[in-house]
Protein backbone atom coordinates (compact mmCIF):
# COMPACT_ATOMS: atom_id res chain seq x y z
CA MET A 1 -2.61 16.91 0.48
CA LEU A 2 -0.64 14.73 2.78
CA LEU A 3 -0.84 11.19 2.28
CA SER A 4 0.47 8.45 5.06
CA LEU A 5 2.59 5.46 3.71
CA VAL A 6 0.26 2.33 5.06
CA THR A 7 2.35 -0.94 5.32
CA GLN A 8 0.81 -4.28 5.26
CA THR A 9 2.56 -7.61 5.60
CA ILE A 10 2.25 -10.26 3.13
CA THR A 11 3.13 -13.64 2.12
CA VAL A 12 4.85 -14.32 -0.95
CA THR A 13 6.17 -17.35 -3.38
CA GLY A 14 8.26 -17.84 -5.96
CA PRO A 15 12.28 -18.47 -7.05
CA THR A 16 14.38 -18.72 -3.81
CA ASN A 17 16.89 -16.73 -5.05
CA GLU A 18 14.42 -13.84 -6.06
CA VAL A 19 12.62 -13.95 -2.45
CA SER A 20 15.64 -14.14 -0.81
CA ARG A 21 16.67 -10.75 -2.76
CA LEU A 22 13.16 -9.30 -1.60
CA LEU A 23 13.72 -9.95 1.90
CA ARG A 24 17.45 -8.65 1.89
CA GLY A 25 15.72 -5.09 -0.09
CA GLU A 26 17.73 -6.13 -2.91
CA THR A 27 14.35 -5.84 -5.20
CA ARG A 28 10.93 -4.36 -3.57
CA ALA A 29 7.32 -5.30 -3.76
CA PHE A 30 4.86 -2.71 -2.84
CA GLY A 31 1.15 -2.32 -3.30
CA LEU A 32 -1.19 0.54 -4.69
CA ILE A 33 -4.28 1.97 -4.03
CA GLN A 34 -5.81 3.92 -7.14
CA LEU A 35 -7.88 7.10 -5.67
CA LYS A 36 -10.82 8.03 -7.41
CA GLU A 37 -13.01 11.65 -7.16
CA ASP A 38 -15.31 10.06 -5.13
CA ASP A 39 -13.10 9.21 -2.47
CA PHE A 40 -12.00 12.58 -2.08
CA GLU A 41 -15.75 13.66 -2.04
CA ARG A 42 -16.66 11.09 0.84
CA MET A 43 -13.66 12.45 3.22
CA ASP A 44 -13.65 11.20 6.70
CA VAL A 45 -15.29 7.95 5.35
CA PHE A 46 -13.84 4.33 6.43
CA LYS A 47 -12.97 2.51 3.47
CA LEU A 48 -11.71 -1.10 2.74
CA VAL A 49 -9.60 -1.89 -0.10
CA THR A 50 -7.22 -4.73 -1.49
CA PRO A 51 -3.94 -3.13 -2.77
CA ASP A 52 -2.85 -3.96 -6.51
CA TYR A 53 0.92 -5.47 -5.19
CA HIS A 54 3.71 -5.07 -7.66
CA LEU A 55 6.15 -7.39 -7.15
CA PRO A 56 9.53 -8.72 -8.86
CA ASN A 57 9.39 -11.23 -11.42
CA GLY A 58 9.17 -14.61 -10.56
CA VAL A 59 7.49 -13.97 -7.12
CA GLU A 60 3.27 -13.82 -6.74
CA LEU A 61 1.82 -13.67 -3.77
CA ALA A 62 1.31 -16.83 -1.88
CA GLU A 63 -2.73 -15.88 -0.40
CA GLU A 64 -4.96 -13.00 -0.71
CA PRO A 65 -3.89 -10.97 1.50
CA PRO A 66 -6.79 -8.93 3.43
CA PRO A 67 -8.16 -5.12 2.56
CA ILE A 68 -6.71 -2.54 4.06
CA GLU A 69 -8.74 -0.08 6.07
CA PHE A 70 -8.27 3.57 5.51
CA LYS A 71 -9.77 7.45 5.01
CA LEU A 72 -8.80 10.56 3.53
CA VAL A 73 -8.98 13.11 5.78
CA TYR A 74 -7.90 16.78 5.47
CA VAL A 75 -4.42 18.40 7.17
CA THR A 76 -4.06 21.88 7.78
CA GLN A 77 -0.75 22.80 8.50
CA ASP A 78 -0.40 26.00 11.53
CA ALA A 79 1.05 29.46 10.30
CA GLU A 80 4.66 28.81 11.18
CA GLY A 81 4.16 25.74 8.28
CA GLY A 82 4.28 22.75 10.72
């Protein structure tokens, strides 16, 4: 199964030095979407989900981000493996 990376712009707040480290790429923020068995049974159906965000210590979301719309699709590889 091939999963694609989805990016979303979020607004955060926190101590200036921690936010600066995040902007410089010294720390990371990421969102996680937990898939359930039901999601795999309903392939090709669009779904709206707000990820669970994991942020550096002291940094938090400044506002609730909008949900991400996605769908799972089957991807097959050709005979040459591409």
